[in-house]
Amino acid sequence: MEIVKTILTVIFILISLALTVIILMQEGKSAGLGAIAGAADTYWGKNKGRSMEGMLVRITKVLVTLFILLAAVLNMGIF
């Protein structure tokens, strides 16, 4: 069982590093003064879900879910 705990810990560390990198790659969510005038409603703003930014957001959600699940499993002390 110690081998399983070691493997899960390594996966946990890798997910932590990946989360750090992906979060730092994302753009800031503040639209600035352009949002007041409606400048944020451009073609690229509406189709953000299909862009690289949208993909980074989806990957972040998956990695955060895995991070929380692994943290809970490792904290339970089953292994």
PDB file of N, CA and C in Angstrom:
ATOM      1  N   MET A   1       0.809  -1.202   0.000  1.00  0.00           N
ATOM      2  CA  MET A   1       0.000   0.000   0.000  1.00  0.00           C
ATOM      3  C   MET A   1       0.853   1.267   0.000  1.00  0.00           C
ATOM      4  N   GLU A   2       2.061   1.158   0.460  1.00  0.00           N
ATOM      5  CA  GLU A   2       2.946   2.318   0.481  1.00  0.00           C
ATOM      6  C   GLU A   2       3.297   2.759  -0.941  1.00  0.00           C
ATOM      7  N   ILE A   3       3.350   1.790  -1.858  1.00  0.00           N
ATOM      8  CA  ILE A   3       3.650   2.121  -3.253  1.00  0.00           C
ATOM      9  C   ILE A   3       2.516   2.938  -3.863  1.00  0.00           C
ATOM     10  N   VAL A   4       1.273   2.580  -3.552  1.00  0.00           N
ATOM     11  CA  VAL A   4       0.116   3.321  -4.070  1.00  0.00           C
ATOM     12  C   VAL A   4       0.120   4.743  -3.536  1.00  0.00           C
ATOM     13  N   LYS A   5       0.448   4.895  -2.250  1.00  0.00           N
ATOM     14  CA  LYS A   5       0.496   6.238  -1.656  1.00  0.00           C
ATOM     15  C   LYS A   5       1.588   7.078  -2.307  1.00  0.00           C
ATOM     16  N   THR A   6       2.725   6.464  -2.594  1.00  0.00           N
ATOM     17  CA  THR A   6       3.820   7.186  -3.250  1.00  0.00           C
ATOM     18  C   THR A   6       3.423   7.613  -4.663  1.00  0.00           C
ATOM     19  N   ILE A   7       2.781   6.715  -5.401  1.00  0.00           N
ATOM     20  CA  ILE A   7       2.341   7.043  -6.751  1.00  0.00           C
ATOM     21  C   ILE A   7       1.315   8.168  -6.728  1.00  0.00           C
ATOM     22  N   LEU A   8       0.345   8.105  -5.811  1.00  0.00           N
ATOM     23  CA  LEU A   8      -0.668   9.157  -5.701  1.00  0.00           C
ATOM     24  C   LEU A   8      -0.041  10.496  -5.299  1.00  0.00           C
ATOM     25  N   THR A   9       0.966  10.443  -4.445  1.00  0.00           N
ATOM     26  CA  THR A   9       1.645  11.670  -4.032  1.00  0.00           C
ATOM     27  C   THR A   9       2.390  12.306  -5.201  1.00  0.00           C
ATOM     28  N   VAL A  10       3.035  11.487  -6.018  1.00  0.00           N
ATOM     29  CA  VAL A  10       3.743  12.007  -7.196  1.00  0.00           C
ATOM     30  C   VAL A  10       2.744  12.624  -8.174  1.00  0.00           C
ATOM     31  N   ILE A  11       1.611  11.940  -8.396  1.00  0.00           N
ATOM     32  CA  ILE A  11       0.572  12.481  -9.279  1.00  0.00           C
ATOM     33  C   ILE A  11       0.035  13.798  -8.724  1.00  0.00           C
ATOM     34  N   PHE A  12      -0.137  13.864  -7.408  1.00  0.00           N
ATOM     35  CA  PHE A  12      -0.614  15.079  -6.744  1.00  0.00           C
ATOM     36  C   PHE A  12       0.356  16.243  -6.971  1.00  0.00           C
ATOM     37  N   ILE A  13       1.632  15.981  -6.869  1.00  0.00           N
ATOM     38  CA  ILE A  13       2.644  17.023  -7.081  1.00  0.00           C
ATOM     39  C   ILE A  13       2.644  17.475  -8.535  1.00  0.00           C
ATOM     40  N   LEU A  14       2.532  16.521  -9.471  1.00  0.00           N
ATOM     41  CA  LEU A  14       2.494  16.880 -10.886  1.00  0.00           C
ATOM     42  C   LEU A  14       1.268  17.732 -11.226  1.00  0.00           C
ATOM     43  N   ILE A  15       0.120  17.379 -10.647  1.00  0.00           N
ATOM     44  CA  ILE A  15      -1.093  18.165 -10.861  1.00  0.00           C
ATOM     45  C   ILE A  15      -0.918  19.565 -10.277  1.00  0.00           C
ATOM     46  N   SER A  16      -0.279  19.666  -9.124  1.00  0.00           N
ATOM     47  CA  SER A  16      -0.037  20.978  -8.507  1.00  0.00           C
ATOM     48  C   SER A  16       0.827  21.858  -9.409  1.00  0.00           C
ATOM     49  N   LEU A  17       1.876  21.278  -9.965  1.00  0.00           N
ATOM     50  CA  LEU A  17       2.750  22.040 -10.860  1.00  0.00           C
ATOM     51  C   LEU A  17       2.018  22.438 -12.138  1.00  0.00           C
ATOM     52  N   ALA A  18       1.234  21.522 -12.707  1.00  0.00           N
ATOM     53  CA  ALA A  18       0.478  21.823 -13.921  1.00  0.00           C
ATOM     54  C   ALA A  18      -0.539  22.925 -13.663  1.00  0.00           C
ATOM     55  N   LEU A  19      -1.204  22.879 -12.510  1.00  0.00           N
ATOM     56  CA  LEU A  19      -2.172  23.924 -12.160  1.00  0.00           C
ATOM     57  C   LEU A  19      -1.492  25.288 -12.061  1.00  0.00           C
ATOM     58  N   THR A  20      -0.342  25.312 -11.451  1.00  0.00           N
ATOM     59  CA  THR A  20       0.392  26.571 -11.305  1.00  0.00           C
ATOM     60  C   THR A  20       0.728  27.166 -12.670  1.00  0.00           C
ATOM     61  N   VAL A  21       1.228  26.328 -13.565  1.00  0.00           N
ATOM     62  CA  VAL A  21       1.616  26.806 -14.891  1.00  0.00           C
ATOM     63  C   VAL A  21       0.396  27.271 -15.684  1.00  0.00           C
ATOM     64  N   ILE A  22      -0.676  26.480 -15.673  1.00  0.00           N
ATOM     65  CA  ILE A  22      -1.860  26.817 -16.464  1.00  0.00           C
ATOM     66  C   ILE A  22      -2.541  28.083 -15.944  1.00  0.00           C
ATOM     67  N   ILE A  23      -2.595  28.240 -14.642  1.00  0.00           N
ATOM     68  CA  ILE A  23      -3.207  29.448 -14.078  1.00  0.00           C
ATOM     69  C   ILE A  23      -2.385  30.686 -14.436  1.00  0.00           C
ATOM     70  N   LEU A  24      -1.075  30.550 -14.430  1.00  0.00           N
ATOM     71  CA  LEU A  24      -0.237  31.698 -14.797  1.00  0.00           C
ATOM     72  C   LEU A  24      -0.317  32.026 -16.282  1.00  0.00           C
ATOM     73  N   MET A  25      -0.686  31.052 -17.123  1.00  0.00           N
ATOM     74  CA  MET A  25      -0.811  31.290 -18.564  1.00  0.00           C
ATOM     75  C   MET A  25      -2.096  32.025 -18.923  1.00  0.00           C
ATOM     76  N   GLN A  26      -3.092  31.997 -18.041  1.00  0.00           N
ATOM     77  CA  GLN A  26      -4.386  32.593 -18.352  1.00  0.00           C
ATOM     78  C   GLN A  26      -4.328  34.116 -18.267  1.00  0.00           C
ATOM     79  N   GLU A  27      -5.210  34.745 -19.054  1.00  0.00           N
ATOM     80  CA  GLU A  27      -5.308  36.203 -19.032  1.00  0.00           C
ATOM     81  C   GLU A  27      -6.097  36.639 -17.807  1.00  0.00           C
ATOM     82  N   GLY A  28      -5.919  37.882 -17.425  1.00  0.00           N
ATOM     83  CA  GLY A  28      -6.686  38.435 -16.322  1.00  0.00           C
ATOM     84  C   GLY A  28      -8.148  38.579 -16.706  1.00  0.00           C
ATOM     85  N   LYS A  29      -9.033  38.482 -15.742  1.00  0.00           N
ATOM     86  CA  LYS A  29     -10.465  38.577 -16.011  1.00  0.00           C
ATOM     87  C   LYS A  29     -10.982  40.008 -15.982  1.00  0.00           C
ATOM     88  N   SER A  30     -10.166  40.956 -15.581  1.00  0.00           N
ATOM     89  CA  SER A  30     -10.636  42.340 -15.527  1.00  0.00           C
ATOM     90  C   SER A  30     -10.641  42.921 -16.938  1.00  0.00           C
ATOM     91  N   ALA A  31     -11.780  43.440 -17.343  1.00  0.00           N
ATOM     92  CA  ALA A  31     -11.922  43.979 -18.697  1.00  0.00           C
ATOM     93  C   ALA A  31     -11.489  45.443 -18.766  1.00  0.00           C
ATOM     94  N   GLY A  32     -11.315  46.066 -17.644  1.00  0.00           N
ATOM     95  CA  GLY A  32     -10.899  47.461 -17.630  1.00  0.00           C
ATOM     96  C   GLY A  32     -12.024  48.395 -18.030  1.00  0.00           C
ATOM     97  N   LEU A  33     -11.656  49.568 -18.522  1.00  0.00           N
ATOM     98  CA  LEU A  33     -12.648  50.561 -18.907  1.00  0.00           C
ATOM     99  C   LEU A  33     -13.351  50.211 -20.215  1.00  0.00           C
ATOM    100  N   GLY A  34     -12.813  49.282 -20.975  1.00  0.00           N
ATOM    101  CA  GLY A  34     -13.439  48.893 -22.233  1.00  0.00           C
ATOM    102  C   GLY A  34     -14.787  48.227 -22.025  1.00  0.00           C
ATOM    103  N   ALA A  35     -15.007  47.605 -20.892  1.00  0.00           N
ATOM    104  CA  ALA A  35     -16.277  46.928 -20.620  1.00  0.00           C
ATOM    105  C   ALA A  35     -17.415  47.925 -20.419  1.00  0.00           C
ATOM    106  N   ILE A  36     -17.091  49.124 -19.985  1.00  0.00           N
ATOM    107  CA  ILE A  36     -18.128  50.130 -19.755  1.00  0.00           C
ATOM    108  C   ILE A  36     -18.760  50.541 -21.084  1.00  0.00           C
ATOM    109  N   ALA A  37     -17.937  50.702 -22.100  1.00  0.00           N
ATOM    110  CA  ALA A  37     -18.435  51.143 -23.401  1.00  0.00           C
ATOM    111  C   ALA A  37     -18.917  49.989 -24.268  1.00  0.00           C
ATOM    112  N   GLY A  38     -18.791  48.768 -23.785  1.00  0.00           N
ATOM    113  CA  GLY A  38     -19.240  47.619 -24.563  1.00  0.00           C
ATOM    114  C   GLY A  38     -18.201  47.104 -25.529  1.00  0.00           C
ATOM    115  N   ALA A  39     -16.966  47.489 -25.360  1.00  0.00           N
ATOM    116  CA  ALA A  39     -15.908  47.047 -26.274  1.00  0.00           C
ATOM    117  C   ALA A  39     -15.573  45.572 -26.082  1.00  0.00           C
ATOM    118  N   ALA A  40     -15.984  44.975 -24.988  1.00  0.00           N
ATOM    119  CA  ALA A  40     -15.676  43.572 -24.729  1.00  0.00           C
ATOM    120  C   ALA A  40     -16.560  42.638 -25.542  1.00  0.00           C
ATOM    121  N   ASP A  41     -17.628  43.136 -26.139  1.00  0.00           N
ATOM    122  CA  ASP A  41     -18.541  42.299 -26.909  1.00  0.00           C
ATOM    123  C   ASP A  41     -18.112  42.221 -28.371  1.00  0.00           C
ATOM    124  N   THR A  42     -16.905  41.803 -28.591  1.00  0.00           N
ATOM    125  CA  THR A  42     -16.420  41.604 -29.948  1.00  0.00           C
ATOM    126  C   THR A  42     -16.573  40.147 -30.324  1.00  0.00           C
ATOM    127  N   TYR A  43     -16.214  39.823 -31.542  1.00  0.00           N
ATOM    128  CA  TYR A  43     -16.299  38.439 -32.003  1.00  0.00           C
ATOM    129  C   TYR A  43     -15.454  37.528 -31.131  1.00  0.00           C
ATOM    130  N   TRP A  44     -14.251  37.963 -30.811  1.00  0.00           N
ATOM    131  CA  TRP A  44     -13.355  37.121 -30.019  1.00  0.00           C
ATOM    132  C   TRP A  44     -13.842  37.002 -28.578  1.00  0.00           C
ATOM    133  N   GLY A  45     -14.502  38.011 -28.069  1.00  0.00           N
ATOM    134  CA  GLY A  45     -15.027  37.949 -26.708  1.00  0.00           C
ATOM    135  C   GLY A  45     -16.177  36.974 -26.579  1.00  0.00           C
ATOM    136  N   LYS A  46     -17.021  36.908 -27.624  1.00  0.00           N
ATOM    137  CA  LYS A  46     -18.170  35.999 -27.584  1.00  0.00           C
ATOM    138  C   LYS A  46     -17.770  34.555 -27.814  1.00  0.00           C
ATOM    139  N   ASN A  47     -16.706  34.316 -28.565  1.00  0.00           N
ATOM    140  CA  ASN A  47     -16.276  32.959 -28.892  1.00  0.00           C
ATOM    141  C   ASN A  47     -15.074  32.531 -28.068  1.00  0.00           C
ATOM    142  N   LYS A  48     -14.979  33.045 -26.879  1.00  0.00           N
ATOM    143  CA  LYS A  48     -13.828  32.751 -26.033  1.00  0.00           C
ATOM    144  C   LYS A  48     -13.779  31.279 -25.616  1.00  0.00           C
ATOM    145  N   GLY A  49     -14.944  30.624 -25.556  1.00  0.00           N
ATOM    146  CA  GLY A  49     -14.980  29.226 -25.153  1.00  0.00           C
ATOM    147  C   GLY A  49     -14.284  28.300 -26.127  1.00  0.00           C
ATOM    148  N   ARG A  50     -14.172  28.711 -27.385  1.00  0.00           N
ATOM    149  CA  ARG A  50     -13.523  27.884 -28.403  1.00  0.00           C
ATOM    150  C   ARG A  50     -12.068  28.275 -28.619  1.00  0.00           C
ATOM    151  N   SER A  51     -11.587  29.248 -27.905  1.00  0.00           N
ATOM    152  CA  SER A  51     -10.223  29.724 -28.090  1.00  0.00           C
ATOM    153  C   SER A  51      -9.275  29.002 -27.130  1.00  0.00           C
ATOM    154  N   MET A  52      -8.031  29.410 -27.193  1.00  0.00           N
ATOM    155  CA  MET A  52      -7.020  28.846 -26.294  1.00  0.00           C
ATOM    156  C   MET A  52      -7.362  29.166 -24.839  1.00  0.00           C
ATOM    157  N   GLU A  53      -7.905  30.360 -24.607  1.00  0.00           N
ATOM    158  CA  GLU A  53      -8.287  30.754 -23.250  1.00  0.00           C
ATOM    159  C   GLU A  53      -9.388  29.850 -22.709  1.00  0.00           C
ATOM    160  N   GLY A  54     -10.353  29.527 -23.554  1.00  0.00           N
ATOM    161  CA  GLY A  54     -11.427  28.625 -23.142  1.00  0.00           C
ATOM    162  C   GLY A  54     -10.915  27.238 -22.816  1.00  0.00           C
ATOM    163  N   MET A  55      -9.947  26.773 -23.608  1.00  0.00           N
ATOM    164  CA  MET A  55      -9.364  25.460 -23.344  1.00  0.00           C
ATOM    165  C   MET A  55      -8.599  25.465 -22.019  1.00  0.00           C
ATOM    166  N   LEU A  56      -7.880  26.542 -21.746  1.00  0.00           N
ATOM    167  CA  LEU A  56      -7.149  26.634 -20.479  1.00  0.00           C
ATOM    168  C   LEU A  56      -8.100  26.631 -19.288  1.00  0.00           C
ATOM    169  N   VAL A  57      -9.252  27.280 -19.430  1.00  0.00           N
ATOM    170  CA  VAL A  57     -10.240  27.304 -18.349  1.00  0.00           C
ATOM    171  C   VAL A  57     -10.787  25.906 -18.100  1.00  0.00           C
ATOM    172  N   ARG A  58     -11.089  25.171 -19.190  1.00  0.00           N
ATOM    173  CA  ARG A  58     -11.605  23.801 -19.029  1.00  0.00           C
ATOM    174  C   ARG A  58     -10.565  22.885 -18.384  1.00  0.00           C
ATOM    175  N   ILE A  59      -9.306  22.994 -18.820  1.00  0.00           N
ATOM    176  CA  ILE A  59      -8.234  22.168 -18.243  1.00  0.00           C
ATOM    177  C   ILE A  59      -8.059  22.510 -16.769  1.00  0.00           C
ATOM    178  N   THR A  60      -8.156  23.793 -16.435  1.00  0.00           N
ATOM    179  CA  THR A  60      -8.029  24.207 -15.038  1.00  0.00           C
ATOM    180  C   THR A  60      -9.118  23.584 -14.178  1.00  0.00           C
ATOM    181  N   LYS A  61     -10.356  23.564 -14.673  1.00  0.00           N
ATOM    182  CA  LYS A  61     -11.456  22.972 -13.912  1.00  0.00           C
ATOM    183  C   LYS A  61     -11.234  21.487 -13.661  1.00  0.00           C
ATOM    184  N   VAL A  62     -10.759  20.779 -14.675  1.00  0.00           N
ATOM    185  CA  VAL A  62     -10.503  19.342 -14.526  1.00  0.00           C
ATOM    186  C   VAL A  62      -9.374  19.103 -13.535  1.00  0.00           C
ATOM    187  N   LEU A  63      -8.288  19.868 -13.659  1.00  0.00           N
ATOM    188  CA  LEU A  63      -7.153  19.680 -12.756  1.00  0.00           C
ATOM    189  C   LEU A  63      -7.498  20.049 -11.317  1.00  0.00           C
ATOM    190  N   VAL A  64      -8.316  21.078 -11.121  1.00  0.00           N
ATOM    191  CA  VAL A  64      -8.718  21.448  -9.761  1.00  0.00           C
ATOM    192  C   VAL A  64      -9.563  20.342  -9.141  1.00  0.00           C
ATOM    193  N   THR A  65     -10.452  19.742  -9.945  1.00  0.00           N
ATOM    194  CA  THR A  65     -11.271  18.636  -9.441  1.00  0.00           C
ATOM    195  C   THR A  65     -10.388  17.461  -9.035  1.00  0.00           C
ATOM    196  N   LEU A  66      -9.430  17.102  -9.885  1.00  0.00           N
ATOM    197  CA  LEU A  66      -8.504  16.009  -9.549  1.00  0.00           C
ATOM    198  C   LEU A  66      -7.658  16.351  -8.326  1.00  0.00           C
ATOM    199  N   PHE A  67      -7.235  17.605  -8.230  1.00  0.00           N
ATOM    200  CA  PHE A  67      -6.438  18.048  -7.090  1.00  0.00           C
ATOM    201  C   PHE A  67      -7.207  17.866  -5.783  1.00  0.00           C
ATOM    202  N   ILE A  68      -8.464  18.288  -5.780  1.00  0.00           N
ATOM    203  CA  ILE A  68      -9.279  18.183  -4.558  1.00  0.00           C
ATOM    204  C   ILE A  68      -9.545  16.723  -4.204  1.00  0.00           C
ATOM    205  N   LEU A  69      -9.855  15.912  -5.209  1.00  0.00           N
ATOM    206  CA  LEU A  69     -10.110  14.496  -4.951  1.00  0.00           C
ATOM    207  C   LEU A  69      -8.864  13.794  -4.420  1.00  0.00           C
ATOM    208  N   LEU A  70      -7.715  14.042  -5.035  1.00  0.00           N
ATOM    209  CA  LEU A  70      -6.481  13.416  -4.545  1.00  0.00           C
ATOM    210  C   LEU A  70      -6.102  13.910  -3.160  1.00  0.00           C
ATOM    211  N   ALA A  71      -6.328  15.187  -2.897  1.00  0.00           N
ATOM    212  CA  ALA A  71      -6.036  15.710  -1.563  1.00  0.00           C
ATOM    213  C   ALA A  71      -6.894  15.018  -0.511  1.00  0.00           C
ATOM    214  N   ALA A  72      -8.168  14.797  -0.837  1.00  0.00           N
ATOM    215  CA  ALA A  72      -9.068  14.118   0.101  1.00  0.00           C
ATOM    216  C   ALA A  72      -8.649  12.668   0.298  1.00  0.00           C
ATOM    217  N   VAL A  73      -8.310  11.981  -0.783  1.00  0.00           N
ATOM    218  CA  VAL A  73      -7.903  10.569  -0.683  1.00  0.00           C
ATOM    219  C   VAL A  73      -6.616  10.438   0.114  1.00  0.00           C
ATOM    220  N   LEU A  74      -5.657  11.292  -0.162  1.00  0.00           N
ATOM    221  CA  LEU A  74      -4.373  11.219   0.558  1.00  0.00           C
ATOM    222  C   LEU A  74      -4.536  11.601   2.025  1.00  0.00           C
ATOM    223  N   ASN A  75      -5.496  12.452   2.339  1.00  0.00           N
ATOM    224  CA  ASN A  75      -5.713  12.881   3.718  1.00  0.00           C
ATOM    225  C   ASN A  75      -6.453  11.844   4.548  1.00  0.00           C
ATOM    226  N   MET A  76      -7.237  10.991   3.896  1.00  0.00           N
ATOM    227  CA  MET A  76      -8.001   9.980   4.625  1.00  0.00           C
ATOM    228  C   MET A  76      -7.116   8.953   5.309  1.00  0.00           C
ATOM    229  N   GLY A  77      -5.945   8.743   4.794  1.00  0.00           N
ATOM    230  CA  GLY A  77      -5.035   7.782   5.415  1.00  0.00           C
ATOM    231  C   GLY A  77      -5.376   6.353   5.106  1.00  0.00           C
ATOM    232  N   ILE A  78      -6.128   6.105   4.030  1.00  0.00           N
ATOM    233  CA  ILE A  78      -6.480   4.739   3.658  1.00  0.00           C
ATOM    234  C   ILE A  78      -5.229   3.974   3.235  1.00  0.00           C
ATOM    235  N   PHE A  79      -4.323   4.659   2.564  1.00  0.00           N
ATOM    236  CA  PHE A  79      -3.137   3.975   2.042  1.00  0.00           C
ATOM    237  C   PHE A  79      -2.004   4.069   3.006  1.00  0.00           C
TER     238      PHE A  79
END
